[in-house]
Each structure stands twice: as structure tokens, then as C-alpha cells.
Amino acid sequence: MDTATVERFEANRDRLASLAYRLLGSAADAEDVVQDAFLRWQAAEVGRIEVPEAWLTKVVANLSLDRLRSAQARRERAVGDWLPEPLLEGDPMLGPADTAEQRESVTLAVLTLMERLSPVERAVYVLREAFSHSHAEIAEILDITESASQQHAHRARRRITYEHRSYGHRAAGRGAGATDRASARRIVEAFVDAAASGRTERLVALLTDDATAITDGAGLSEKLVRLAAPERIAAALRGAFKPTPAKLRLVGGAPALHAAVVNGEPAVVAVLDGRVVGMVVLEVRGDRIAVVHGLASKSRLGRVDEAWGRSEHGEPLIESWGPAEA
């Protein structure tokens, strides 16, 4: 393969990776899909491909669908027991973020809710909302009719909007403003101060009346932990943010707590010796927190951990979470 042909693929790599990530919710799986697409690009008669960008989009979309349909994926991604892999601000895999729909489509909440869609509905939703493809283009990419694309898009949008409302989230595609580092730091500072104060009423005041919390239990359990009601969430957070000798032994010491932007939303990132050991991602509605995602499983933090060392992240909110000698 000549240099120009390789460069043509590489010019599309970030876009293809962001498409695969939105479809799969896993950076590792997205990278595998893009690599498989490159192998197909190598084997193809590239000179006979009229629109390489469209050809590559079709290959990546359908490779992703194959993964979503596989028996292994169905076992691993059982509804209620799966969370997406988070990405740090600036990661090219996050893709386009110019519109509210594009920003919304990559939040942890929407990536999780898309698990409730069929694979084709998910693909149509992503191609339409995040990449602004016409229904005619989507029909060509997915080998379906244009009317079927319209129907899938309608069902997907309706279901995601309904699920958002059911769980107290903002309606999909509405009011999703871009979160900058300064606003994220303000939100995270208030959250950490309240959580570390030991006073549940301070946390309750930060949460919406219909707030929810989801945590992966640091990978210690196969099941996700879900909580509803501000008082229950506040009590759980108060306990989680209290450093104990057992917790410090589990993570290997006393981490620093940083404010960051993860999947477009404010987050607390716990860092120990340059490694990301956990994070709390906050979905904000108005000036209050509607959803709390707790992520500490090593299987989900690999890409964030790699990106952390290359990024500028400023001074920590807390230098050392608890006595290092505990």
C-alpha cells in the first residue's frame, strides 16, 4: 500500500474511532474496529472506491454492529450491568462536539441508555444525531431503506428521551451546554467540599429531587450499584468520601483529587503516583447534580489513565485524600 493510501485512511482515523466509540461505548473495542477497518482498506481495490470516506464509514458502522450483535457482547453488556468506558477532555475519540446533540450523544448517561436500543436503532441514532448523516446516507451505510432509517431514528430518539425523563435526566439533545474547565472545577469543588464535610444535608442540597447514582463498585462486584433519592445518595457519598485505612490500602495510598472534564461533564478524578485510580462523573441539570457515575474498575480506566499523563490538569483540589500512613 502506497503512502498516499495510508495517509487517506489516517486522515479519517479519528472520525472513524469516534463513530465506533459512540456505537460501542468502549475505547478498546473502538480501536479494534478501526484496526479491522484498516486491514479491509489494505485488502480493497482502493482506486475503485469512489468516495473513500463513505466506504470507511460503512465498514466501521457494520463492524461495530457485528460486535453489538455477537453472543459475547450480549453476555458482557447485559442491560443494567454495563457502563461505558470514560474519556478525558481532548480525546479525539470523543469526536464532534459542535451541537447539543453531538455533546449529548457522548455523555455517559446517553451511552448507557443506548444499550436499551437495538443495534440498528443505535447505529441510526448515532449517525443521525452525532454525525448529521441524511436518512438516504444512513440507508446506504446500513443497507436498509430510507423509510426504515426514519422509523429507527424516531424510535431511538423517543426511547432515549423517555428514559432520560424517567430517570430525572435532561431530555436528550436539549440544554446540553459545553462544559469548560473553569465551570467544571466550580461544580467539582462544591461537590467535594460537601462530600468531605460529613454532613449529608450539604450533599442533598446539591442534588436534584430525582437524582440517581450508579457505580461499578471498583470492579469488586459483577453487578452495578444503583441508588435513587437524594438522601440515600448523599449518605452513600458521605461514606465513600471518608478515607479509611481499608480504602487507602485498596488503592495503594492516599490519592490526590482533581477536577476534570470527562465525556463532556464535570468529574472528580482520583490520581495516585500519576495513575488514575477512580473518578466520579457528574451530570448537571441547571445548578444541581442529576446523576452521579462512580467508576473505579481498572478495565474502564485504561485510556483515561494513559491520557492523564499527557494532559495538563492543574493543581489538585485535595493533595492527599487521607493520611498516607493510614
C-alpha atoms as a PDB file:
ATOM      1  CA  MET A   1       0.000   0.000   0.000  1.00  0.00           C
ATOM      2  CA  ASP A   2       1.453   3.371  -1.029  1.00  0.00           C
ATOM      3  CA  THR A   3       1.948   6.265   1.350  1.00  0.00           C
ATOM      4  CA  ALA A   4      -0.935   8.326  -0.071  1.00  0.00           C
ATOM      5  CA  THR A   5      -3.400   5.481   0.506  1.00  0.00           C
ATOM      6  CA  VAL A   6      -2.256   5.026   4.114  1.00  0.00           C
ATOM      7  CA  GLU A   7      -2.460   8.786   4.681  1.00  0.00           C
ATOM      8  CA  ARG A   8      -6.008   8.821   3.290  1.00  0.00           C
ATOM      9  CA  PHE A   9      -7.016   6.302   5.939  1.00  0.00           C
ATOM     10  CA  GLU A  10      -5.138   8.096   8.715  1.00  0.00           C
ATOM     11  CA  ALA A  11      -6.921  11.346   7.834  1.00  0.00           C
ATOM     12  CA  ASN A  12     -10.166   9.541   8.712  1.00  0.00           C
ATOM     13  CA  ARG A  13      -8.937   7.611  11.752  1.00  0.00           C
ATOM     14  CA  ASP A  14     -10.171   9.967  14.481  1.00  0.00           C
ATOM     15  CA  ARG A  15     -13.617  10.308  12.888  1.00  0.00           C
ATOM     16  CA  LEU A  16     -13.920   6.550  12.493  1.00  0.00           C
ATOM     17  CA  ALA A  17     -12.784   5.945  16.065  1.00  0.00           C
ATOM     18  CA  SER A  18     -15.330   8.423  17.428  1.00  0.00           C
ATOM     19  CA  LEU A  19     -18.074   6.690  15.433  1.00  0.00           C
ATOM     20  CA  ALA A  20     -17.067   3.271  16.745  1.00  0.00           C
ATOM     21  CA  TYR A  21     -16.797   4.570  20.317  1.00  0.00           C
ATOM     22  CA  ARG A  22     -20.301   6.026  20.245  1.00  0.00           C
ATOM     23  CA  LEU A  23     -21.635   2.753  18.855  1.00  0.00           C
ATOM     24  CA  LEU A  24     -19.772   0.507  21.279  1.00  0.00           C
ATOM     25  CA  GLY A  25     -19.144   2.646  24.378  1.00  0.00           C
ATOM     26  CA  SER A  26     -15.685   1.087  24.652  1.00  0.00           C
ATOM     27  CA  ALA A  27     -12.470   2.748  23.553  1.00  0.00           C
ATOM     28  CA  ALA A  28     -10.659  -0.596  23.374  1.00  0.00           C
ATOM     29  CA  ASP A  29     -13.349  -2.111  21.154  1.00  0.00           C
ATOM     30  CA  ALA A  30     -13.413   1.033  19.011  1.00  0.00           C
ATOM     31  CA  GLU A  31      -9.661   0.785  18.428  1.00  0.00           C
ATOM     32  CA  ASP A  32     -10.040  -2.872  17.411  1.00  0.00           C
ATOM     33  CA  VAL A  33     -12.802  -1.996  14.953  1.00  0.00           C
ATOM     34  CA  VAL A  34     -10.743   0.786  13.365  1.00  0.00           C
ATOM     35  CA  GLN A  35      -7.784  -1.566  13.009  1.00  0.00           C
ATOM     36  CA  ASP A  36     -10.034  -4.152  11.346  1.00  0.00           C
ATOM     37  CA  ALA A  37     -11.259  -1.424   9.000  1.00  0.00           C
ATOM     38  CA  PHE A  38      -7.670  -0.577   8.119  1.00  0.00           C
ATOM     39  CA  LEU A  39      -7.000  -4.232   7.217  1.00  0.00           C
ATOM     40  CA  ARG A  40     -10.035  -4.173   4.920  1.00  0.00           C
ATOM     41  CA  TRP A  41      -8.800  -0.902   3.417  1.00  0.00           C
ATOM     42  CA  GLN A  42      -5.466  -2.588   2.717  1.00  0.00           C
ATOM     43  CA  ALA A  43      -7.163  -5.515   1.000  1.00  0.00           C
ATOM     44  CA  ALA A  44      -9.556  -3.385  -1.075  1.00  0.00           C
ATOM     45  CA  GLU A  45      -9.035  -2.037  -4.580  1.00  0.00           C
ATOM     46  CA  VAL A  46      -8.829   1.489  -3.255  1.00  0.00           C
ATOM     47  CA  GLY A  47      -8.593   3.053  -6.694  1.00  0.00           C
ATOM     48  CA  ARG A  48     -12.093   1.793  -7.494  1.00  0.00           C
ATOM     49  CA  ILE A  49     -13.685   3.240  -4.341  1.00  0.00           C
ATOM     50  CA  GLU A  50     -15.459   6.422  -5.447  1.00  0.00           C
ATOM     51  CA  VAL A  51     -15.904   8.026  -2.009  1.00  0.00           C
ATOM     52  CA  PRO A  52     -13.380   6.549   0.458  1.00  0.00           C
ATOM     53  CA  GLU A  53     -14.837   8.425   3.451  1.00  0.00           C
ATOM     54  CA  ALA A  54     -18.288   6.922   2.859  1.00  0.00           C
ATOM     55  CA  TRP A  55     -16.809   3.468   2.253  1.00  0.00           C
ATOM     56  CA  LEU A  56     -14.857   3.592   5.510  1.00  0.00           C
ATOM     57  CA  THR A  57     -17.871   4.853   7.441  1.00  0.00           C
ATOM     58  CA  LYS A  58     -19.912   1.923   6.166  1.00  0.00           C
ATOM     59  CA  VAL A  59     -17.204  -0.587   7.085  1.00  0.00           C
ATOM     60  CA  VAL A  60     -16.774   0.773  10.626  1.00  0.00           C
ATOM     61  CA  ALA A  61     -20.513   1.046  11.262  1.00  0.00           C
ATOM     62  CA  ASN A  62     -21.133  -2.528  10.178  1.00  0.00           C
ATOM     63  CA  LEU A  63     -18.122  -3.958  12.006  1.00  0.00           C
ATOM     64  CA  SER A  64     -19.450  -2.246  15.139  1.00  0.00           C
ATOM     65  CA  LEU A  65     -22.917  -3.692  14.556  1.00  0.00           C
ATOM     66  CA  ASP A  66     -21.406  -7.167  14.216  1.00  0.00           C
ATOM     67  CA  ARG A  67     -19.804  -6.720  17.630  1.00  0.00           C
ATOM     68  CA  LEU A  68     -23.017  -5.476  19.224  1.00  0.00           C
ATOM     69  CA  ARG A  69     -24.905  -8.476  17.837  1.00  0.00           C
ATOM     70  CA  SER A  70     -22.393 -11.091  18.946  1.00  0.00           C
ATOM     71  CA  ALA A  71     -23.301 -13.564  21.681  1.00  0.00           C
ATOM     72  CA  GLN A  72     -20.279 -12.485  23.709  1.00  0.00           C
ATOM     73  CA  ALA A  73     -21.375  -8.856  23.606  1.00  0.00           C
ATOM     74  CA  ARG A  74     -24.881  -9.788  24.712  1.00  0.00           C
ATOM     75  CA  ARG A  75     -23.441 -11.591  27.733  1.00  0.00           C
ATOM     76  CA  GLU A  76     -20.972  -8.839  28.628  1.00  0.00           C
ATOM     77  CA  ARG A  77     -23.368  -5.959  28.060  1.00  0.00           C
ATOM     78  CA  ALA A  78     -26.433  -7.227  29.869  1.00  0.00           C
ATOM     79  CA  VAL A  79     -28.770  -4.285  30.453  1.00  0.00           C
ATOM     80  CA  GLY A  80     -28.215  -2.978  33.955  1.00  0.00           C
ATOM     81  CA  ASP A  81     -24.750  -4.453  34.363  1.00  0.00           C
ATOM     82  CA  TRP A  82     -22.687  -2.379  31.942  1.00  0.00           C
ATOM     83  CA  LEU A  83     -21.152   1.083  31.957  1.00  0.00           C
ATOM     84  CA  PRO A  84     -19.256   2.795  29.139  1.00  0.00           C
ATOM     85  CA  GLU A  85     -15.536   3.478  29.181  1.00  0.00           C
ATOM     86  CA  PRO A  86     -14.930   7.168  30.082  1.00  0.00           C
ATOM     87  CA  LEU A  87     -12.780   9.529  28.029  1.00  0.00           C
ATOM     88  CA  LEU A  88     -10.876  12.588  29.193  1.00  0.00           C
ATOM     89  CA  GLU A  89     -11.460  16.016  27.643  1.00  0.00           C
ATOM     90  CA  GLY A  90      -9.449  16.419  24.448  1.00  0.00           C
ATOM     91  CA  ASP A  91      -9.506  12.741  23.485  1.00  0.00           C
ATOM     92  CA  PRO A  92     -10.035  12.639  19.699  1.00  0.00           C
ATOM     93  CA  MET A  93     -12.293   9.622  20.152  1.00  0.00           C
ATOM     94  CA  LEU A  94     -14.923  11.947  21.644  1.00  0.00           C
ATOM     95  CA  GLY A  95     -15.424  13.284  18.134  1.00  0.00           C
ATOM     96  CA  PRO A  96     -17.591  16.243  17.085  1.00  0.00           C
ATOM     97  CA  ALA A  97     -18.985  18.472  19.852  1.00  0.00           C
ATOM     98  CA  ASP A  98     -20.307  21.498  17.985  1.00  0.00           C
ATOM     99  CA  THR A  99     -24.006  20.898  18.636  1.00  0.00           C
ATOM    100  CA  ALA A 100     -26.020  19.957  21.707  1.00  0.00           C
ATOM    101  CA  GLU A 101     -26.942  16.653  20.054  1.00  0.00           C
ATOM    102  CA  GLN A 102     -23.299  15.787  19.436  1.00  0.00           C
ATOM    103  CA  ARG A 103     -22.306  16.612  23.008  1.00  0.00           C
ATOM    104  CA  GLU A 104     -25.268  14.716  24.402  1.00  0.00           C
ATOM    105  CA  SER A 105     -24.531  11.579  22.369  1.00  0.00           C
ATOM    106  CA  VAL A 106     -21.205  11.023  24.097  1.00  0.00           C
ATOM    107  CA  THR A 107     -22.256  11.578  27.724  1.00  0.00           C
ATOM    108  CA  LEU A 108     -22.080   8.544  29.989  1.00  0.00           C
ATOM    109  CA  ALA A 109     -25.831   8.724  30.534  1.00  0.00           C
ATOM    110  CA  VAL A 110     -26.735   8.536  26.842  1.00  0.00           C
ATOM    111  CA  LEU A 111     -24.077   5.922  26.063  1.00  0.00           C
ATOM    112  CA  THR A 112     -25.605   3.820  28.836  1.00  0.00           C
ATOM    113  CA  LEU A 113     -29.177   4.429  27.690  1.00  0.00           C
ATOM    114  CA  MET A 114     -28.271   3.435  24.129  1.00  0.00           C
ATOM    115  CA  GLU A 115     -27.780  -0.099  25.452  1.00  0.00           C
ATOM    116  CA  ARG A 116     -31.573  -0.292  25.541  1.00  0.00           C
ATOM    117  CA  LEU A 117     -31.778   0.249  21.782  1.00  0.00           C
ATOM    118  CA  SER A 118     -31.442  -2.444  19.147  1.00  0.00           C
ATOM    119  CA  PRO A 119     -28.063  -2.385  17.349  1.00  0.00           C
ATOM    120  CA  VAL A 120     -29.629  -0.857  14.216  1.00  0.00           C
ATOM    121  CA  GLU A 121     -31.516   1.777  16.214  1.00  0.00           C
ATOM    122  CA  ARG A 122     -28.289   2.679  17.979  1.00  0.00           C
ATOM    123  CA  ALA A 123     -26.413   2.995  14.685  1.00  0.00           C
ATOM    124  CA  VAL A 124     -29.110   5.146  13.090  1.00  0.00           C
ATOM    125  CA  TYR A 125     -29.289   7.374  16.168  1.00  0.00           C
ATOM    126  CA  VAL A 126     -25.516   7.921  16.245  1.00  0.00           C
ATOM    127  CA  LEU A 127     -25.158   8.502  12.510  1.00  0.00           C
ATOM    128  CA  ARG A 128     -28.054  10.956  12.519  1.00  0.00           C
ATOM    129  CA  GLU A 129     -27.572  12.840  15.806  1.00  0.00           C
ATOM    130  CA  ALA A 130     -23.790  12.842  16.159  1.00  0.00           C
ATOM    131  CA  PHE A 131     -22.628  12.835  12.536  1.00  0.00           C
ATOM    132  CA  SER A 132     -25.572  14.566  10.804  1.00  0.00           C
ATOM    133  CA  HIS A 133     -25.946  11.993   8.036  1.00  0.00           C
ATOM    134  CA  SER A 134     -29.123  12.182   5.978  1.00  0.00           C
ATOM    135  CA  HIS A 135     -31.532   9.252   6.069  1.00  0.00           C
ATOM    136  CA  ALA A 136     -30.562   8.467   2.475  1.00  0.00           C
ATOM    137  CA  GLU A 137     -26.906   8.226   3.506  1.00  0.00           C
ATOM    138  CA  ILE A 138     -27.755   6.106   6.571  1.00  0.00           C
ATOM    139  CA  ALA A 139     -29.806   3.764   4.410  1.00  0.00           C
ATOM    140  CA  GLU A 140     -26.774   3.247   2.173  1.00  0.00           C
ATOM    141  CA  ILE A 141     -24.404   2.741   5.112  1.00  0.00           C
ATOM    142  CA  LEU A 142     -26.591   0.194   6.911  1.00  0.00           C
ATOM    143  CA  ASP A 143     -28.227  -1.460   3.877  1.00  0.00           C
ATOM    144  CA  ILE A 144     -31.742  -0.512   4.947  1.00  0.00           C
ATOM    145  CA  THR A 145     -34.442   1.579   3.314  1.00  0.00           C
ATOM    146  CA  GLU A 146     -34.683   5.312   3.847  1.00  0.00           C
ATOM    147  CA  SER A 147     -38.097   4.938   5.496  1.00  0.00           C
ATOM    148  CA  ALA A 148     -36.671   2.283   7.843  1.00  0.00           C
ATOM    149  CA  SER A 149     -33.917   4.707   8.817  1.00  0.00           C
ATOM    150  CA  GLN A 150     -36.510   7.357   9.634  1.00  0.00           C
ATOM    151  CA  GLN A 151     -38.512   4.892  11.732  1.00  0.00           C
ATOM    152  CA  HIS A 152     -35.439   3.671  13.634  1.00  0.00           C
ATOM    153  CA  ALA A 153     -34.371   7.260  14.318  1.00  0.00           C
ATOM    154  CA  HIS A 154     -37.824   8.167  15.613  1.00  0.00           C
ATOM    155  CA  ARG A 155     -37.985   5.139  17.924  1.00  0.00           C
ATOM    156  CA  ALA A 156     -34.453   5.664  19.210  1.00  0.00           C
ATOM    157  CA  ARG A 157     -34.952   9.363  19.922  1.00  0.00           C
ATOM    158  CA  ARG A 158     -38.295   8.724  21.598  1.00  0.00           C
ATOM    159  CA  ARG A 159     -36.895   5.965  23.797  1.00  0.00           C
ATOM    160  CA  ILE A 160     -33.789   7.868  24.879  1.00  0.00           C
ATOM    161  CA  THR A 161     -35.859  10.958  25.654  1.00  0.00           C
ATOM    162  CA  TYR A 162     -38.324   8.844  27.646  1.00  0.00           C
ATOM    163  CA  GLU A 163     -35.546   7.108  29.600  1.00  0.00           C
ATOM    164  CA  HIS A 164     -33.951  10.463  30.385  1.00  0.00           C
ATOM    165  CA  ARG A 165     -37.192  11.777  31.787  1.00  0.00           C
ATOM    166  CA  SER A 166     -37.870   8.551  33.686  1.00  0.00           C
ATOM    167  CA  TYR A 167     -34.547   8.766  35.489  1.00  0.00           C
ATOM    168  CA  GLY A 168     -34.592  12.515  36.026  1.00  0.00           C
ATOM    169  CA  HIS A 169     -32.029  13.343  33.363  1.00  0.00           C
ATOM    170  CA  ARG A 170     -32.418  16.239  30.997  1.00  0.00           C
ATOM    171  CA  ALA A 171     -34.208  15.411  27.775  1.00  0.00           C
ATOM    172  CA  ALA A 172     -31.790  14.176  25.149  1.00  0.00           C
ATOM    173  CA  GLY A 173     -30.453  16.862  22.869  1.00  0.00           C
ATOM    174  CA  ARG A 174     -31.775  19.740  24.956  1.00  0.00           C
ATOM    175  CA  GLY A 175     -29.823  22.108  27.117  1.00  0.00           C
ATOM    176  CA  ALA A 176     -26.569  20.221  26.791  1.00  0.00           C
ATOM    177  CA  GLY A 177     -24.098  23.074  27.004  1.00  0.00           C
ATOM    178  CA  ALA A 178     -20.369  22.591  26.632  1.00  0.00           C
ATOM    179  CA  THR A 179     -18.590  22.251  29.977  1.00  0.00           C
ATOM    180  CA  ASP A 180     -15.303  24.122  30.263  1.00  0.00           C
ATOM    181  CA  ARG A 181     -12.606  23.504  32.839  1.00  0.00           C
ATOM    182  CA  ALA A 182     -13.460  26.547  34.934  1.00  0.00           C
ATOM    183  CA  SER A 183     -17.129  25.648  35.332  1.00  0.00           C
ATOM    184  CA  ALA A 184     -16.228  22.004  35.917  1.00  0.00           C
ATOM    185  CA  ARG A 185     -13.853  22.997  38.693  1.00  0.00           C
ATOM    186  CA  ARG A 186     -16.512  25.119  40.407  1.00  0.00           C
ATOM    187  CA  ILE A 187     -19.019  22.262  40.326  1.00  0.00           C
ATOM    188  CA  VAL A 188     -16.488  19.676  41.467  1.00  0.00           C
ATOM    189  CA  GLU A 189     -15.182  21.911  44.277  1.00  0.00           C
ATOM    190  CA  ALA A 190     -18.680  22.297  45.683  1.00  0.00           C
ATOM    191  CA  PHE A 191     -19.292  18.565  45.360  1.00  0.00           C
ATOM    192  CA  VAL A 192     -16.022  17.533  47.029  1.00  0.00           C
ATOM    193  CA  ASP A 193     -16.436  20.091  49.828  1.00  0.00           C
ATOM    194  CA  ALA A 194     -19.924  18.806  50.550  1.00  0.00           C
ATOM    195  CA  ALA A 195     -18.934  15.135  50.337  1.00  0.00           C
ATOM    196  CA  ALA A 196     -15.894  15.614  52.565  1.00  0.00           C
ATOM    197  CA  SER A 197     -17.787  17.663  55.157  1.00  0.00           C
ATOM    198  CA  GLY A 198     -19.526  14.596  56.577  1.00  0.00           C
ATOM    199  CA  ARG A 199     -22.865  16.462  56.511  1.00  0.00           C
ATOM    200  CA  THR A 200     -25.433  14.802  54.293  1.00  0.00           C
ATOM    201  CA  GLU A 201     -27.623  17.906  54.168  1.00  0.00           C
ATOM    202  CA  ARG A 202     -24.921  19.745  52.204  1.00  0.00           C
ATOM    203  CA  LEU A 203     -24.863  16.976  49.619  1.00  0.00           C
ATOM    204  CA  VAL A 204     -28.641  16.740  49.451  1.00  0.00           C
ATOM    205  CA  ALA A 205     -28.757  20.454  48.654  1.00  0.00           C
ATOM    206  CA  LEU A 206     -26.549  19.846  45.591  1.00  0.00           C
ATOM    207  CA  LEU A 207     -28.700  17.021  44.210  1.00  0.00           C
ATOM    208  CA  THR A 208     -31.912  17.245  42.226  1.00  0.00           C
ATOM    209  CA  ASP A 209     -35.003  15.781  43.832  1.00  0.00           C
ATOM    210  CA  ASP A 210     -34.925  12.896  41.331  1.00  0.00           C
ATOM    211  CA  ALA A 211     -31.159  12.309  41.370  1.00  0.00           C
ATOM    212  CA  THR A 212     -29.704   8.877  40.660  1.00  0.00           C
ATOM    213  CA  ALA A 213     -26.278   7.311  41.250  1.00  0.00           C
ATOM    214  CA  ILE A 214     -24.569   4.399  39.512  1.00  0.00           C
ATOM    215  CA  THR A 215     -21.215   2.885  40.467  1.00  0.00           C
ATOM    216  CA  ASP A 216     -19.210  -0.063  39.189  1.00  0.00           C
ATOM    217  CA  GLY A 217     -18.066  -0.992  42.680  1.00  0.00           C
ATOM    218  CA  ALA A 218     -14.394  -0.682  41.690  1.00  0.00           C
ATOM    219  CA  GLY A 219     -14.683  -3.960  39.839  1.00  0.00           C
ATOM    220  CA  LEU A 220     -15.155  -5.883  43.094  1.00  0.00           C
ATOM    221  CA  SER A 221     -18.653  -6.966  42.078  1.00  0.00           C
ATOM    222  CA  GLU A 222     -20.124  -8.134  38.772  1.00  0.00           C
ATOM    223  CA  LYS A 223     -23.217  -6.050  39.429  1.00  0.00           C
ATOM    224  CA  LEU A 224     -23.567  -2.294  39.249  1.00  0.00           C
ATOM    225  CA  VAL A 225     -24.783  -0.480  42.352  1.00  0.00           C
ATOM    226  CA  ARG A 226     -27.720   1.869  41.705  1.00  0.00           C
ATOM    227  CA  LEU A 227     -29.197   4.371  44.124  1.00  0.00           C
ATOM    228  CA  ALA A 228     -32.126   6.778  43.951  1.00  0.00           C
ATOM    229  CA  ALA A 229     -33.373   9.549  46.264  1.00  0.00           C
ATOM    230  CA  PRO A 230     -31.061  12.397  47.355  1.00  0.00           C
ATOM    231  CA  GLU A 231     -30.865  11.262  50.993  1.00  0.00           C
ATOM    232  CA  ARG A 232     -29.687   7.742  50.084  1.00  0.00           C
ATOM    233  CA  ILE A 233     -27.193   9.045  47.552  1.00  0.00           C
ATOM    234  CA  ALA A 234     -25.850  11.643  49.988  1.00  0.00           C
ATOM    235  CA  ALA A 235     -25.398   9.033  52.717  1.00  0.00           C
ATOM    236  CA  ALA A 236     -23.533   6.730  50.316  1.00  0.00           C
ATOM    237  CA  LEU A 237     -21.307   9.555  49.045  1.00  0.00           C
ATOM    238  CA  ARG A 238     -20.525  10.720  52.575  1.00  0.00           C
ATOM    239  CA  GLY A 239     -19.307   7.216  53.376  1.00  0.00           C
ATOM    240  CA  ALA A 240     -17.424   6.845  50.101  1.00  0.00           C
ATOM    241  CA  PHE A 241     -15.539  10.126  50.559  1.00  0.00           C
ATOM    242  CA  LYS A 242     -14.436   9.302  54.100  1.00  0.00           C
ATOM    243  CA  PRO A 243     -10.872   7.951  53.900  1.00  0.00           C
ATOM    244  CA  THR A 244     -10.260   4.808  55.927  1.00  0.00           C
ATOM    245  CA  PRO A 245      -7.196   2.572  56.260  1.00  0.00           C
ATOM    246  CA  ALA A 246      -9.004  -0.172  54.312  1.00  0.00           C
ATOM    247  CA  LYS A 247      -9.796   2.136  51.381  1.00  0.00           C
ATOM    248  CA  LEU A 248      -6.278   3.516  51.261  1.00  0.00           C
ATOM    249  CA  ARG A 249      -4.832   0.002  51.258  1.00  0.00           C
ATOM    250  CA  LEU A 250      -7.198  -0.921  48.415  1.00  0.00           C
ATOM    251  CA  VAL A 251      -5.930   1.871  46.148  1.00  0.00           C
ATOM    252  CA  GLY A 252      -2.354   1.665  47.412  1.00  0.00           C
ATOM    253  CA  GLY A 253      -2.089   5.006  49.195  1.00  0.00           C
ATOM    254  CA  ALA A 254      -3.669   8.438  49.513  1.00  0.00           C
ATOM    255  CA  PRO A 255      -4.621   9.791  46.056  1.00  0.00           C
ATOM    256  CA  ALA A 256      -4.917  13.415  45.019  1.00  0.00           C
ATOM    257  CA  LEU A 257      -8.347  14.598  43.880  1.00  0.00           C
ATOM    258  CA  HIS A 258      -8.524  16.675  40.698  1.00  0.00           C
ATOM    259  CA  ALA A 259     -11.301  18.451  38.824  1.00  0.00           C
ATOM    260  CA  ALA A 260     -11.592  17.470  35.165  1.00  0.00           C
ATOM    261  CA  VAL A 261     -13.996  17.189  32.237  1.00  0.00           C
ATOM    262  CA  VAL A 262     -14.895  13.597  31.301  1.00  0.00           C
ATOM    263  CA  ASN A 263     -17.203  12.812  28.370  1.00  0.00           C
ATOM    264  CA  GLY A 264     -18.141  16.473  28.339  1.00  0.00           C
ATOM    265  CA  GLU A 265     -19.171  16.588  32.006  1.00  0.00           C
ATOM    266  CA  PRO A 266     -17.526  17.715  35.277  1.00  0.00           C
ATOM    267  CA  ALA A 267     -15.675  14.981  37.128  1.00  0.00           C
ATOM    268  CA  VAL A 268     -13.616  14.251  40.226  1.00  0.00           C
ATOM    269  CA  VAL A 269     -10.525  12.264  39.243  1.00  0.00           C
ATOM    270  CA  ALA A 270      -8.503  10.397  41.889  1.00  0.00           C
ATOM    271  CA  VAL A 271      -4.815  10.124  40.975  1.00  0.00           C
ATOM    272  CA  LEU A 272      -2.117   8.178  42.809  1.00  0.00           C
ATOM    273  CA  ASP A 273       1.521   8.268  41.669  1.00  0.00           C
ATOM    274  CA  GLY A 274       0.395   9.524  38.267  1.00  0.00           C
ATOM    275  CA  ARG A 275      -2.212   6.765  37.859  1.00  0.00           C
ATOM    276  CA  VAL A 276      -5.949   7.365  37.632  1.00  0.00           C
ATOM    277  CA  VAL A 277      -7.467   5.058  40.253  1.00  0.00           C
ATOM    278  CA  GLY A 278     -11.069   6.250  40.142  1.00  0.00           C
ATOM    279  CA  MET A 279     -13.450   9.008  39.165  1.00  0.00           C
ATOM    280  CA  VAL A 280     -16.885  10.430  39.835  1.00  0.00           C
ATOM    281  CA  VAL A 281     -18.613  11.953  36.792  1.00  0.00           C
ATOM    282  CA  LEU A 282     -21.456  14.388  37.431  1.00  0.00           C
ATOM    283  CA  GLU A 283     -24.371  15.153  35.142  1.00  0.00           C
ATOM    284  CA  VAL A 284     -25.626  18.621  35.995  1.00  0.00           C
ATOM    285  CA  ARG A 285     -29.131  19.950  35.345  1.00  0.00           C
ATOM    286  CA  GLY A 286     -29.433  23.665  35.952  1.00  0.00           C
ATOM    287  CA  ASP A 287     -27.269  24.301  39.006  1.00  0.00           C
ATOM    288  CA  ARG A 288     -27.777  20.888  40.626  1.00  0.00           C
ATOM    289  CA  ILE A 289     -26.458  17.375  40.113  1.00  0.00           C
ATOM    290  CA  ALA A 290     -28.905  14.933  38.489  1.00  0.00           C
ATOM    291  CA  VAL A 291     -26.709  11.858  38.007  1.00  0.00           C
ATOM    292  CA  VAL A 292     -23.560  10.589  39.728  1.00  0.00           C
ATOM    293  CA  HIS A 293     -21.438   7.971  37.946  1.00  0.00           C
ATOM    294  CA  GLY A 294     -18.742   6.281  40.043  1.00  0.00           C
ATOM    295  CA  LEU A 295     -16.028   4.475  38.051  1.00  0.00           C
ATOM    296  CA  ALA A 296     -13.055   2.683  39.586  1.00  0.00           C
ATOM    297  CA  SER A 297     -12.737  -0.610  37.721  1.00  0.00           C
ATOM    298  CA  LYS A 298      -9.308  -0.867  36.085  1.00  0.00           C
ATOM    299  CA  SER A 299     -10.931  -2.337  32.988  1.00  0.00           C
ATOM    300  CA  ARG A 300     -12.680   1.010  32.353  1.00  0.00           C
ATOM    301  CA  LEU A 301      -9.893   3.422  33.237  1.00  0.00           C
ATOM    302  CA  GLY A 302      -7.083   2.329  30.919  1.00  0.00           C
ATOM    303  CA  ARG A 303      -7.421   5.005  28.238  1.00  0.00           C
ATOM    304  CA  VAL A 304      -8.100   7.794  30.762  1.00  0.00           C
ATOM    305  CA  ASP A 305      -5.033   6.699  32.709  1.00  0.00           C
ATOM    306  CA  GLU A 306      -2.858   6.871  29.575  1.00  0.00           C
ATOM    307  CA  ALA A 307      -4.276  10.267  28.598  1.00  0.00           C
ATOM    308  CA  TRP A 308      -3.832  11.738  32.089  1.00  0.00           C
ATOM    309  CA  GLY A 309      -0.059  11.649  31.904  1.00  0.00           C
ATOM    310  CA  ARG A 310      -0.098  13.561  28.607  1.00  0.00           C
ATOM    311  CA  SER A 311      -2.591  16.232  29.655  1.00  0.00           C
ATOM    312  CA  GLU A 312      -2.411  19.460  31.620  1.00  0.00           C
ATOM    313  CA  HIS A 313      -4.658  19.119  34.623  1.00  0.00           C
ATOM    314  CA  GLY A 314      -3.725  21.902  37.027  1.00  0.00           C
ATOM    315  CA  GLU A 315      -3.435  21.795  40.780  1.00  0.00           C
ATOM    316  CA  PRO A 316      -5.437  19.172  42.684  1.00  0.00           C
ATOM    317  CA  LEU A 317      -8.397  20.110  44.830  1.00  0.00           C
ATOM    318  CA  ILE A 318      -7.017  17.849  47.557  1.00  0.00           C
ATOM    319  CA  GLU A 319      -3.308  16.984  47.602  1.00  0.00           C
ATOM    320  CA  SER A 320      -3.688  13.815  49.623  1.00  0.00           C
ATOM    321  CA  TRP A 321      -7.030  12.164  50.316  1.00  0.00           C
ATOM    322  CA  GLY A 322      -6.455  10.954  53.841  1.00  0.00           C
ATOM    323  CA  PRO A 323      -3.244  10.222  55.762  1.00  0.00           C
ATOM    324  CA  ALA A 324      -0.803   8.349  53.551  1.00  0.00           C
ATOM    325  CA  GLU A 325       0.413   6.332  56.507  1.00  0.00           C
ATOM    326  CA  ALA A 326      -3.072   5.038  57.388  1.00  0.00           C
END
